[in-house]
Structure formats: C-alpha cells, structure tokens
Amino acid sequence: MPTRTAPSRARFLPRAAVCATLALLTLCAAAQPADPQLDQARALMAANQPQAAYALLEPAEPARAVDPRYSYLLGIAALDAGHVTRAIFALERVVAIDPDHNLARAELARAYLAAGEPANARSELRTARRGQMPPEAAAAIDRVLGAIDMEPMEATTGIWRGYLEGVVGHDSNVNSATAAGQFALPAFGGIVFNLDRENRQRGDAFAGLGAGVGLRLPLTPSWELEASVNARNNAHRHADAQDNRSLDGSVGAAYTTGPSRFSAAVQATQYDIDQQRYRRAAGLTAQWQYTLDKQSQLSVFTQYSRLDYAQDSARNADRTVFGAGYARAFNDGQQVAYGSVYRAEEKTRSSGVDNYGHRALGVRLGAEATAGPRTVAFAALQYERRRYGGTEPFFDASREDRQFDATAGVHFTPAPQWRISPQLSFARAESNVVLYDYRRVIWQVAVRREFN
C-alpha cells in the first residue's frame, strides 16, 4: 500500500451522504455478543469523539486485526479522526476477510475518496451497491456515486497505476506456422516441396514476465496528460528461437467536455525475437468517446503506425486503422458487452513487394460478467478478412486470409490488488496460400499484482 496524504477537507464531504451506515452501528451491535471495548468505542463514535474511539481501539490492533467487527469500527474511527491510511488498511482487511461486508466497502470507498482515489472509491461503492444492505444505505450510496461521477478532478492531483505480472502456459503453434509437411508450388509446374520441420507448426510450453506503469495528470477540470510504459519477456521451454520481448510506450492528452472525451497520443513499440530486433513501430492514435447515458457509450478511433523490420526492409510499411465501437452495461454494471468494426491498410514503402501489403476489414465482440464477489468472467471474438496486393511468389496467386480468434477466461481477485487469470485462446487462419494457413490454441494462467 503506497503512502497516502490527507487532502483538503472537501474530500470528506461524501461522509454526509453515507452516514446511514454509521446510524446502523447500534443496530449491528445489538445482534453481536457483548464486547466492552467495542461497545465503548461505539459510544464514543455516537458522541462524535472519533479520535477518542481511535485511541481506544488502535493499541489492540495486533491482537484483534482478524476480527472484522473490530477492524470495521477501527477503520471508521480512524477515518473520522483523519488517519486516512490507517483507515484504508483496516477496511481493506475487513473486505478481504468478509467480501460480503457491504457496509465496510461503502466506508472503504469513503476512505479512498479522502485519499484522492475516486476510481477505487467508485469501484468499491458499485460492488457494495450490488450486495445486500438496508435501503437507506443503498440510497446513500447511489447519491455518492452520482456525486463522484459529477465531481471535477483537481488540477494538482496525479494518479498513477503500475503492475507486475507473471504468466505460464502452453502454445500449440509458437511460430504460427502451417502443419503441412509438403505442398505443391504452381510456379514450378506443381513440383512438391518438403517444408523443413523447424518451419512447421510447433507446440511448446512458455513462461513470461511483464511490468508496466501508467500516469494520468489532470491539468484543468477538462484537460489531462496521460502516459504509459509496458515491458514483457516470454521464454519457451524448447523453441528458443521463438523467445520474444517487447517494450512499448505512449504519451498523450485528453480533453473532456460534457458527454464527449477526445484523446490523442504518440505511441512507439519495439518487438524482438530470439534476442534480435524484429520490428519497430511508431505513430499516432486518436479517439472520440461519447457517453449516451449511464449504461452506454459510443467511440470512434483511428491509428497510424510506421512499421520497420530490422531483417527485411522490403516489409517496411505504413499502417492505418479507422473504426467505431459501442459498449453497454447491464444490471447495474454487473455485465458489460462491447463491439467494434474497423478497416485497416498496410501499404509497403518499397516498390515491387505489393504482396506484403494488405487491406483488411474486421469486427470485434466481447463481454464481461460478474460471477461472484471476487470473480469476473470474460470472452472476446474477432474476425478479420485480409486481401493482399500483388502475386505471392511461387504460388501464382494473390493472397487472401480469413482469421478467427476467440478468447475466454476468468479473473479471480483473492486479495485487494491481486488477480489470477486462467485463459484459453483459439486462432484459425484460413489462407489460399498454404504457408499462412494454420491453427493455434493457447492456454495460460497469469498472476498480476497492481500498485497505485
């Protein structure tokens, strides 16, 4: 947990909106066994003496931390007394022990607001709202959610997020190659060519490490700067020649006015294979998002990239993408569905190699659904059709590909800021040129630790 500093008193105003939870303390106590220390602390809280309640409870924390009743009361006493970081520790402990403690989640959201973390506060409030709680507390949470969505960010507040991730799995086709061992070459009168085993489909186990950090720096209530850096390294058990690593970064700005948000960024990516530089890309991306209502959003996006291949300059190309998307939430955000359509073009910069360039049309569909207090299931589908220019050497044909990709998995959150994600992916590329016709199945398990 990073150090959090106490902000201005305005950050504590949402307490008035969620005070229904404190009003329930006495009722909750009546249903619990007698506990003199907690009873005395509740009396101090009722008398508006949170600092005294905190001073009474804090010394017992090492011995009583695993008791959610104690940690809950310690958390709200610490928060009302101005000890924001201690409050977050205590309340995060409560929801880790009892994920269904929705009143604790509501108070944890208030603590996140006090620490200047509205995104985390919004997440906890929405989770609490989906659970069971008294009507007056639910109504208070609804009011706070509305206030968070309308509250402009302070120009001096910076928000950063980082992560570390490890992944293990198996790839049935690490080199995205055809399974065919031999095929005919029309350009040579149909002679049969035997493909070397190293260039055919190969399966292998793999492991990888990744890390990244992102920063959002509000400048005014409408303008903000955004930047991110990500790095990843993947190693295979046997297919060492397919080991790869990547590094990407972006920096840009976003402008929000009413329901519209405009963003643009400069992006760069370096991708290496077998410890050698393979491809470098640099370019621009831009997006317009328009919020139709609390459940739906439209988007229009475009991207330009300059692609450079270290070992084969004939493949150097300019890539452009244009597309539009739509997303909608259902059942108070417990389910989300989204989709997009796009058109892409890669145009080679060298003459005489038009067969490397292509035009593509594609569609993406996806969904996420809350399957429990700590579980989110997700799935995504993508279909893309590509038509290449020129004639493919040795095959006397213009290449055409149709590719279908499907992914499904689950995110488990065993503890705050930890995530375990088993995932299965399938890819099928159909091509009239046998070298590019393949199937691929990848299963993996990723473990991520987030920081903010």
Protein backbone atom coordinates (compact mmCIF):
# COMPACT_ATOMS: atom_id res chain seq x y z
CA MET A 1 0.00 0.00 0.00
CA PRO A 2 1.60 3.30 -1.03
CA THR A 3 1.71 6.24 1.30
CA ARG A 4 -1.35 8.45 1.05
CA THR A 5 -1.52 12.02 2.18
CA ALA A 6 -4.56 13.71 3.64
CA PRO A 7 -6.24 16.08 1.15
CA SER A 8 -8.34 19.13 1.79
CA ARG A 9 -11.41 18.85 3.96
CA ALA A 10 -13.66 18.96 0.87
CA ARG A 11 -12.73 15.36 0.24
CA PHE A 12 -14.60 14.35 3.39
CA LEU A 13 -17.96 15.82 2.32
CA PRO A 14 -19.31 12.47 0.99
CA ARG A 15 -19.45 11.31 4.63
CA ALA A 16 -22.74 13.16 4.97
CA ALA A 17 -24.16 11.10 2.14
CA VAL A 18 -23.17 7.72 3.61
CA CYS A 19 -23.89 8.50 7.24
CA ALA A 20 -26.69 5.95 7.10
CA THR A 21 -24.05 3.29 7.65
CA LEU A 22 -22.99 4.83 10.96
CA ALA A 23 -26.58 5.04 12.05
CA LEU A 24 -26.69 1.26 11.76
CA LEU A 25 -23.81 0.65 14.17
CA THR A 26 -26.04 0.47 17.20
CA LEU A 27 -28.41 -1.95 15.45
CA CYS A 28 -25.49 -4.14 14.38
CA ALA A 29 -24.07 -4.16 17.89
CA ALA A 30 -27.34 -5.41 19.31
CA ALA A 31 -27.04 -8.57 17.22
CA GLN A 32 -23.45 -9.31 18.37
CA PRO A 33 -22.09 -10.81 21.63
CA ALA A 34 -21.14 -8.26 24.28
CA ASP A 35 -17.68 -6.74 23.77
CA PRO A 36 -16.85 -3.96 26.28
CA GLN A 37 -14.11 -2.42 24.16
CA LEU A 38 -16.24 -2.24 21.02
CA ASP A 39 -19.28 -1.07 22.99
CA GLN A 40 -17.24 1.78 24.50
CA ALA A 41 -15.86 2.73 21.07
CA ARG A 42 -19.38 2.82 19.60
CA ALA A 43 -20.48 5.09 22.41
CA LEU A 44 -17.58 7.45 21.69
CA MET A 45 -18.44 7.47 17.98
CA ALA A 46 -22.08 8.21 18.77
CA ALA A 47 -20.86 11.13 20.94
CA ASN A 48 -18.86 12.46 17.96
CA GLN A 49 -15.50 11.64 19.53
CA PRO A 50 -13.76 9.62 16.76
CA GLN A 51 -10.23 10.47 17.96
CA ALA A 52 -11.03 9.05 21.39
CA ALA A 53 -12.53 5.94 19.80
CA TYR A 54 -9.45 5.50 17.63
CA ALA A 55 -7.11 5.94 20.61
CA LEU A 56 -9.08 3.26 22.47
CA LEU A 57 -9.03 0.75 19.61
CA GLU A 58 -5.63 1.26 17.98
CA PRO A 59 -3.44 -0.42 20.67
CA ALA A 60 -5.38 -3.68 20.28
CA GLU A 61 -4.82 -3.96 16.51
CA PRO A 62 -2.03 -6.62 16.60
CA ALA A 63 -4.23 -8.94 18.66
CA ARG A 64 -7.64 -8.21 17.11
CA ALA A 65 -6.87 -7.45 13.45
CA VAL A 66 -8.52 -10.67 12.21
CA ASP A 67 -11.83 -9.76 13.87
CA PRO A 68 -13.89 -7.99 11.17
CA ARG A 69 -16.11 -6.29 13.80
CA TYR A 70 -13.03 -4.73 15.40
CA SER A 71 -11.34 -3.75 12.13
CA TYR A 72 -14.55 -2.22 10.78
CA LEU A 73 -15.00 0.00 13.82
CA LEU A 74 -11.28 0.86 13.89
CA GLY A 75 -11.48 1.83 10.22
CA ILE A 76 -14.36 4.28 10.53
CA ALA A 77 -12.94 5.74 13.74
CA ALA A 78 -9.55 6.25 12.07
CA LEU A 79 -11.17 7.84 9.03
CA ASP A 80 -13.30 10.26 11.03
CA ALA A 81 -10.24 11.14 13.11
CA GLY A 82 -8.22 11.95 9.96
CA HIS A 83 -5.96 8.85 9.89
CA VAL A 84 -6.80 8.01 6.28
CA THR A 85 -4.07 5.48 5.54
CA ARG A 86 -4.75 3.52 8.75
CA ALA A 87 -8.45 3.52 7.88
CA ILE A 88 -7.75 2.07 4.43
CA PHE A 89 -5.58 -0.69 5.91
CA ALA A 90 -8.27 -1.65 8.42
CA LEU A 91 -11.20 -1.56 5.98
CA GLU A 92 -9.32 -3.43 3.23
CA ARG A 93 -8.68 -6.09 5.87
CA VAL A 94 -12.42 -6.35 6.56
CA VAL A 95 -13.45 -6.87 2.93
CA ALA A 96 -10.59 -9.35 2.43
CA ILE A 97 -11.88 -11.42 5.36
CA ASP A 98 -15.56 -10.91 4.52
CA PRO A 99 -16.13 -9.91 0.86
CA ASP A 100 -19.89 -9.59 1.52
CA HIS A 101 -19.44 -6.89 4.19
CA ASN A 102 -21.02 -4.19 2.02
CA LEU A 103 -21.10 -1.51 4.73
CA ALA A 104 -17.33 -1.90 5.09
CA ARG A 105 -16.98 -1.49 1.32
CA ALA A 106 -19.00 1.72 1.47
CA GLU A 107 -16.73 3.07 4.23
CA LEU A 108 -13.65 1.92 2.31
CA ALA A 109 -14.92 3.92 -0.67
CA ARG A 110 -15.19 6.97 1.58
CA ALA A 111 -11.58 6.38 2.68
CA TYR A 112 -10.44 6.14 -0.93
CA LEU A 113 -12.18 9.45 -1.65
CA ALA A 114 -10.36 11.01 1.30
CA ALA A 115 -7.08 9.72 -0.15
CA GLY A 116 -7.85 11.26 -3.54
CA GLU A 117 -8.59 7.96 -5.31
CA PRO A 118 -12.07 8.38 -6.89
CA ALA A 119 -11.64 5.44 -9.28
CA ASN A 120 -11.07 2.99 -6.40
CA ALA A 121 -13.94 4.61 -4.47
CA ARG A 122 -16.30 4.21 -7.41
CA SER A 123 -15.35 0.53 -7.77
CA GLU A 124 -15.96 -0.26 -4.09
CA LEU A 125 -19.26 1.63 -4.00
CA ARG A 126 -20.57 -0.19 -7.05
CA THR A 127 -19.57 -3.54 -5.56
CA ALA A 128 -21.26 -2.63 -2.27
CA ARG A 129 -24.38 -1.44 -4.09
CA ARG A 130 -24.80 -4.84 -5.77
CA GLY A 131 -24.87 -6.56 -2.37
CA GLN A 132 -27.48 -6.77 0.36
CA MET A 133 -27.85 -3.78 2.67
CA PRO A 134 -30.56 -1.65 4.28
CA PRO A 135 -32.50 0.57 1.81
CA GLU A 136 -31.30 3.80 3.41
CA ALA A 137 -27.65 2.79 3.00
CA ALA A 138 -28.26 1.75 -0.62
CA ALA A 139 -29.89 5.09 -1.39
CA ALA A 140 -26.96 6.94 0.20
CA ILE A 141 -24.50 5.02 -1.96
CA ASP A 142 -26.47 5.94 -5.08
CA ARG A 143 -26.18 9.60 -4.13
CA VAL A 144 -22.44 9.32 -3.57
CA LEU A 145 -21.93 7.54 -6.90
CA GLY A 146 -23.70 10.38 -8.63
CA ALA A 147 -21.54 12.93 -6.81
CA ILE A 148 -18.33 11.13 -7.80
CA ASP A 149 -19.33 10.99 -11.46
CA MET A 150 -20.02 14.74 -11.48
CA GLU A 151 -17.07 15.89 -9.36
CA PRO A 152 -14.29 17.53 -11.45
CA MET A 153 -10.76 16.37 -10.70
CA GLU A 154 -8.36 18.75 -9.04
CA ALA A 155 -5.71 20.09 -11.39
CA THR A 156 -2.93 19.25 -8.95
CA THR A 157 -3.88 15.59 -8.47
CA GLY A 158 -1.75 12.95 -10.24
CA ILE A 159 -2.95 9.36 -10.50
CA TRP A 160 -0.55 6.55 -11.34
CA ARG A 161 -1.01 2.81 -11.61
CA GLY A 162 1.53 0.04 -12.02
CA TYR A 163 1.58 -3.72 -12.26
CA LEU A 164 3.80 -6.78 -12.23
CA GLU A 165 2.61 -9.94 -13.96
CA GLY A 166 3.83 -13.49 -14.39
CA VAL A 167 2.36 -16.00 -16.82
CA VAL A 168 2.81 -19.69 -17.64
CA GLY A 169 1.09 -21.75 -20.30
CA HIS A 170 1.28 -23.79 -23.47
CA ASP A 171 1.11 -22.69 -27.11
CA SER A 172 0.22 -25.32 -29.71
CA ASN A 173 1.80 -23.26 -32.51
CA VAL A 174 4.55 -20.99 -31.24
CA ASN A 175 5.63 -19.94 -34.76
CA SER A 176 2.11 -19.51 -36.27
CA ALA A 177 3.10 -21.97 -38.99
CA THR A 178 1.26 -24.43 -41.21
CA ALA A 179 1.00 -28.05 -40.14
CA ALA A 180 1.53 -29.21 -43.76
CA GLY A 181 4.80 -31.05 -44.30
CA GLN A 182 4.69 -30.76 -48.10
CA PHE A 183 2.81 -28.84 -50.75
CA ALA A 184 2.88 -28.13 -54.49
CA LEU A 185 4.44 -24.98 -55.98
CA PRO A 186 2.38 -23.83 -59.02
CA ALA A 187 5.18 -21.52 -60.23
CA PHE A 188 7.38 -24.60 -60.73
CA GLY A 189 4.85 -26.74 -62.53
CA GLY A 190 3.35 -28.24 -59.39
CA ILE A 191 6.55 -29.70 -58.02
CA VAL A 192 6.12 -30.96 -54.46
CA PHE A 193 8.13 -29.05 -51.86
CA ASN A 194 9.01 -30.55 -48.46
CA LEU A 195 8.88 -27.99 -45.66
CA ASP A 196 11.67 -28.17 -43.09
CA ARG A 197 10.46 -29.39 -39.68
CA GLU A 198 11.69 -26.21 -37.97
CA ASN A 199 9.32 -24.18 -40.17
CA ARG A 200 6.23 -26.28 -39.44
CA GLN A 201 3.78 -25.97 -36.59
CA ARG A 202 5.49 -26.47 -33.22
CA GLY A 203 3.96 -26.64 -29.76
CA ASP A 204 5.78 -25.69 -26.59
CA ALA A 205 5.36 -24.53 -23.00
CA PHE A 206 6.22 -20.94 -22.15
CA ALA A 207 6.62 -18.54 -19.25
CA GLY A 208 6.69 -14.78 -19.19
CA LEU A 209 7.12 -11.69 -17.04
CA GLY A 210 5.58 -8.30 -17.62
CA ALA A 211 5.50 -4.91 -15.93
CA GLY A 212 4.04 -1.54 -16.64
CA VAL A 213 3.20 1.85 -15.23
CA GLY A 214 0.68 4.47 -16.29
CA LEU A 215 0.21 8.08 -15.25
CA ARG A 216 -2.77 10.41 -15.57
CA LEU A 217 -2.05 14.03 -14.66
CA PRO A 218 -5.04 16.40 -14.64
CA LEU A 219 -4.13 19.93 -15.70
CA THR A 220 -7.60 21.52 -15.53
CA PRO A 221 -11.08 20.09 -14.99
CA SER A 222 -11.17 19.41 -18.76
CA TRP A 223 -7.56 18.65 -19.76
CA GLU A 224 -5.23 15.90 -18.60
CA LEU A 225 -1.96 14.34 -19.67
CA GLU A 226 -1.62 10.56 -20.00
CA ALA A 227 1.48 8.37 -20.32
CA SER A 228 2.35 4.69 -20.01
CA VAL A 229 5.25 2.25 -20.40
CA ASN A 230 4.99 -1.56 -20.63
CA ALA A 231 7.62 -4.28 -20.95
CA ARG A 232 7.25 -8.03 -21.43
CA ASN A 233 9.56 -11.02 -21.91
CA ASN A 234 8.44 -14.52 -22.95
CA ALA A 235 10.64 -17.63 -22.96
CA HIS A 236 9.83 -21.11 -24.35
CA ARG A 237 10.91 -24.42 -22.92
CA HIS A 238 12.35 -25.84 -26.15
CA ALA A 239 11.65 -23.41 -29.01
CA ASP A 240 14.34 -20.91 -28.03
CA ALA A 241 14.24 -19.26 -31.45
CA GLN A 242 10.70 -18.05 -30.63
CA ASP A 243 11.62 -16.33 -27.35
CA ASN A 244 10.47 -12.74 -27.58
CA ARG A 245 10.35 -9.47 -25.72
CA SER A 246 8.56 -6.18 -26.23
CA LEU A 247 8.70 -2.62 -24.97
CA ASP A 248 6.05 -0.01 -25.68
CA GLY A 249 5.27 3.46 -24.51
CA SER A 250 2.82 6.27 -25.16
CA VAL A 251 2.28 9.88 -24.16
CA GLY A 252 -0.73 12.00 -24.98
CA ALA A 253 -3.52 14.26 -23.81
CA ALA A 254 -7.28 14.05 -23.30
CA TYR A 255 -9.99 16.70 -23.29
CA THR A 256 -13.42 16.18 -21.74
CA THR A 257 -16.44 18.37 -22.32
CA GLY A 258 -19.90 17.24 -21.32
CA PRO A 259 -20.50 13.68 -22.54
CA SER A 260 -17.59 13.83 -25.01
CA ARG A 261 -13.98 12.84 -24.43
CA PHE A 262 -11.26 13.39 -27.04
CA SER A 263 -7.84 11.78 -26.65
CA ALA A 264 -4.69 11.51 -28.75
CA ALA A 265 -1.28 10.00 -28.12
CA VAL A 266 2.12 9.29 -29.64
CA GLN A 267 3.00 5.59 -29.42
CA ALA A 268 6.16 3.53 -30.00
CA THR A 269 6.81 -0.23 -29.81
CA GLN A 270 9.93 -2.39 -30.09
CA TYR A 271 9.47 -6.15 -30.62
CA ASP A 272 12.41 -8.59 -30.57
CA ILE A 273 12.60 -12.32 -31.39
CA ASP A 274 15.45 -14.64 -30.40
CA GLN A 275 17.41 -11.76 -28.83
CA GLN A 276 17.39 -9.86 -32.14
CA ARG A 277 15.47 -6.79 -33.15
CA TYR A 278 12.50 -7.81 -35.28
CA ARG A 279 10.04 -4.93 -35.70
CA ARG A 280 9.71 -1.35 -34.59
CA ALA A 281 6.51 0.70 -34.82
CA ALA A 282 5.85 4.35 -34.11
CA GLY A 283 2.84 6.50 -34.77
CA LEU A 284 -0.25 8.31 -33.56
CA THR A 285 -3.61 7.25 -32.19
CA ALA A 286 -6.77 9.29 -31.59
CA GLN A 287 -10.22 8.52 -30.16
CA TRP A 288 -13.54 10.20 -29.51
CA GLN A 289 -15.85 8.71 -26.86
CA TYR A 290 -19.41 9.87 -26.37
CA THR A 291 -21.43 8.80 -23.33
CA LEU A 292 -25.04 8.28 -24.38
CA ASP A 293 -26.26 7.55 -20.85
CA LYS A 294 -25.05 5.82 -17.69
CA GLN A 295 -25.18 2.43 -19.43
CA SER A 296 -23.88 3.04 -22.97
CA GLN A 297 -21.05 4.70 -24.86
CA LEU A 298 -20.04 5.24 -28.50
CA SER A 299 -16.48 5.61 -29.77
CA VAL A 300 -14.67 6.44 -33.00
CA PHE A 301 -10.95 5.74 -33.32
CA THR A 302 -8.06 5.98 -35.77
CA GLN A 303 -4.42 4.97 -35.73
CA TYR A 304 -1.34 5.47 -37.88
CA SER A 305 1.86 3.43 -37.46
CA ARG A 306 5.14 3.36 -39.32
CA LEU A 307 6.40 -0.25 -39.34
CA ASP A 308 10.12 -1.04 -39.77
CA TYR A 309 11.51 -4.60 -39.96
CA ALA A 310 15.15 -4.94 -38.98
CA GLN A 311 15.89 -8.10 -41.00
CA ASP A 312 13.69 -7.48 -44.06
CA SER A 313 13.34 -3.83 -45.07
CA ALA A 314 11.13 -4.82 -48.04
CA ARG A 315 8.33 -5.38 -45.49
CA ASN A 316 8.50 -1.83 -44.12
CA ALA A 317 5.01 -0.36 -44.32
CA ASP A 318 2.66 2.37 -43.20
CA ARG A 319 -0.41 1.08 -41.36
CA THR A 320 -3.67 2.98 -40.88
CA VAL A 321 -6.79 1.93 -38.98
CA PHE A 322 -10.24 3.53 -38.78
CA GLY A 323 -13.10 2.16 -36.69
CA ALA A 324 -16.10 2.68 -34.46
CA GLY A 325 -17.31 0.92 -31.33
CA TYR A 326 -20.19 0.66 -28.89
CA ALA A 327 -20.30 -0.54 -25.27
CA ARG A 328 -23.25 -1.12 -22.94
CA ALA A 329 -23.57 -2.11 -19.30
CA PHE A 330 -26.41 -4.20 -17.90
CA ASN A 331 -27.75 -4.98 -14.44
CA ASP A 332 -26.05 -2.06 -12.68
CA GLY A 333 -22.74 -2.78 -14.37
CA GLN A 334 -22.55 -6.46 -13.47
CA GLN A 335 -22.43 -7.30 -17.18
CA VAL A 336 -20.78 -5.33 -19.97
CA ALA A 337 -20.91 -6.02 -23.71
CA TYR A 338 -18.95 -4.23 -26.40
CA GLY A 339 -18.22 -4.41 -30.10
CA SER A 340 -16.36 -2.57 -32.84
CA VAL A 341 -15.82 -2.62 -36.59
CA TYR A 342 -12.69 -1.37 -38.32
CA ARG A 343 -10.87 -1.04 -41.61
CA ALA A 344 -7.08 -1.36 -41.81
CA GLU A 345 -4.48 -0.97 -44.52
CA GLU A 346 -0.76 -1.73 -44.64
CA LYS A 347 0.99 -0.12 -47.59
CA THR A 348 4.60 -1.12 -48.25
CA ARG A 349 7.12 1.66 -48.79
CA SER A 350 9.32 -0.38 -51.16
CA SER A 351 8.31 -0.91 -54.80
CA GLY A 352 7.78 -4.37 -56.26
CA VAL A 353 6.68 -6.03 -53.00
CA ASP A 354 2.96 -5.27 -53.06
CA ASN A 355 2.28 -8.83 -51.85
CA TYR A 356 3.46 -7.76 -48.37
CA GLY A 357 0.81 -5.04 -48.12
CA HIS A 358 -2.89 -5.67 -47.50
CA ARG A 359 -6.30 -4.22 -46.80
CA ALA A 360 -8.47 -5.64 -44.03
CA LEU A 361 -11.97 -5.47 -42.62
CA GLY A 362 -12.62 -6.68 -39.11
CA VAL A 363 -15.12 -6.94 -36.28
CA ARG A 364 -14.58 -7.47 -32.56
CA LEU A 365 -17.13 -8.54 -29.95
CA GLY A 366 -16.66 -9.05 -26.23
CA ALA A 367 -18.36 -9.29 -22.86
CA GLU A 368 -17.59 -9.35 -19.15
CA ALA A 369 -19.85 -10.57 -16.34
CA THR A 370 -19.52 -10.54 -12.57
CA ALA A 371 -19.77 -14.16 -11.48
CA GLY A 372 -19.24 -13.62 -7.75
CA PRO A 373 -17.78 -11.16 -5.24
CA ARG A 374 -14.26 -11.99 -6.43
CA THR A 375 -14.81 -13.34 -9.93
CA VAL A 376 -15.30 -11.78 -13.36
CA ALA A 377 -15.73 -13.94 -16.48
CA PHE A 378 -14.78 -12.57 -19.88
CA ALA A 379 -14.88 -13.59 -23.53
CA ALA A 380 -13.92 -11.98 -26.84
CA LEU A 381 -14.29 -12.81 -30.54
CA GLN A 382 -12.58 -11.27 -33.55
CA TYR A 383 -12.90 -11.88 -37.28
CA GLU A 384 -10.67 -10.25 -39.90
CA ARG A 385 -10.52 -10.61 -43.67
CA ARG A 386 -7.31 -9.55 -45.43
CA ARG A 387 -6.63 -9.09 -49.15
CA TYR A 388 -3.00 -8.74 -50.16
CA GLY A 389 -1.64 -6.87 -53.15
CA GLY A 390 0.46 -8.32 -55.96
CA THR A 391 1.10 -12.01 -56.55
CA GLU A 392 2.57 -14.31 -53.92
CA PRO A 393 5.94 -15.64 -55.16
CA PHE A 394 5.98 -19.35 -56.08
CA PHE A 395 2.17 -19.66 -55.75
CA ASP A 396 0.91 -17.59 -58.72
CA ALA A 397 -1.96 -16.19 -56.64
CA SER A 398 -2.92 -13.05 -54.76
CA ARG A 399 -3.10 -14.00 -51.10
CA GLU A 400 -6.40 -13.83 -49.20
CA ASP A 401 -6.71 -14.63 -45.48
CA ARG A 402 -9.66 -15.04 -43.16
CA GLN A 403 -8.76 -15.17 -39.47
CA PHE A 404 -10.99 -16.00 -36.50
CA ASP A 405 -9.81 -15.52 -32.89
CA ALA A 406 -11.65 -16.45 -29.69
CA THR A 407 -10.64 -15.94 -26.06
CA ALA A 408 -12.36 -16.86 -22.82
CA GLY A 409 -11.25 -16.75 -19.22
CA VAL A 410 -11.87 -15.69 -15.65
CA HIS A 411 -10.34 -13.05 -13.38
CA PHE A 412 -10.14 -14.12 -9.72
CA THR A 413 -9.32 -11.49 -7.08
CA PRO A 414 -8.12 -13.42 -4.00
CA ALA A 415 -6.99 -10.23 -2.24
CA PRO A 416 -7.02 -6.49 -2.94
CA GLN A 417 -4.79 -5.62 -5.94
CA TRP A 418 -4.08 -9.28 -6.71
CA ARG A 419 -5.55 -11.05 -9.74
CA ILE A 420 -5.30 -14.61 -11.09
CA SER A 421 -6.49 -15.12 -14.67
CA PRO A 422 -6.73 -18.54 -16.34
CA GLN A 423 -7.43 -18.06 -20.05
CA LEU A 424 -7.91 -20.12 -23.23
CA SER A 425 -7.40 -18.70 -26.74
CA PHE A 426 -8.01 -20.17 -30.17
CA ALA A 427 -6.94 -18.83 -33.58
CA ARG A 428 -7.78 -20.15 -37.04
CA ALA A 429 -6.26 -18.53 -40.13
CA GLU A 430 -7.60 -19.74 -43.46
CA SER A 431 -5.48 -18.75 -46.46
CA ASN A 432 -5.32 -19.67 -50.14
CA VAL A 433 -1.53 -19.79 -49.68
CA VAL A 434 -0.74 -22.87 -47.61
CA LEU A 435 2.22 -21.25 -45.82
CA TYR A 436 -0.18 -18.93 -43.99
CA ASP A 437 -2.90 -21.45 -43.16
CA TYR A 438 -2.73 -22.53 -39.53
CA ARG A 439 -4.49 -23.27 -36.22
CA ARG A 440 -3.33 -22.22 -32.77
CA VAL A 441 -4.50 -22.95 -29.22
CA ILE A 442 -3.02 -21.20 -26.20
CA TRP A 443 -3.87 -21.83 -22.57
CA GLN A 444 -2.26 -19.79 -19.85
CA VAL A 445 -2.53 -18.65 -16.24
CA ALA A 446 -1.46 -15.12 -15.33
CA VAL A 447 -0.89 -13.72 -11.84
CA ARG A 448 -0.90 -9.93 -11.54
CA ARG A 449 -0.11 -7.56 -8.68
CA GLU A 450 -1.29 -3.99 -9.16
CA PHE A 451 0.02 -0.88 -7.45
CA ASN A 452 -1.43 2.59 -7.08
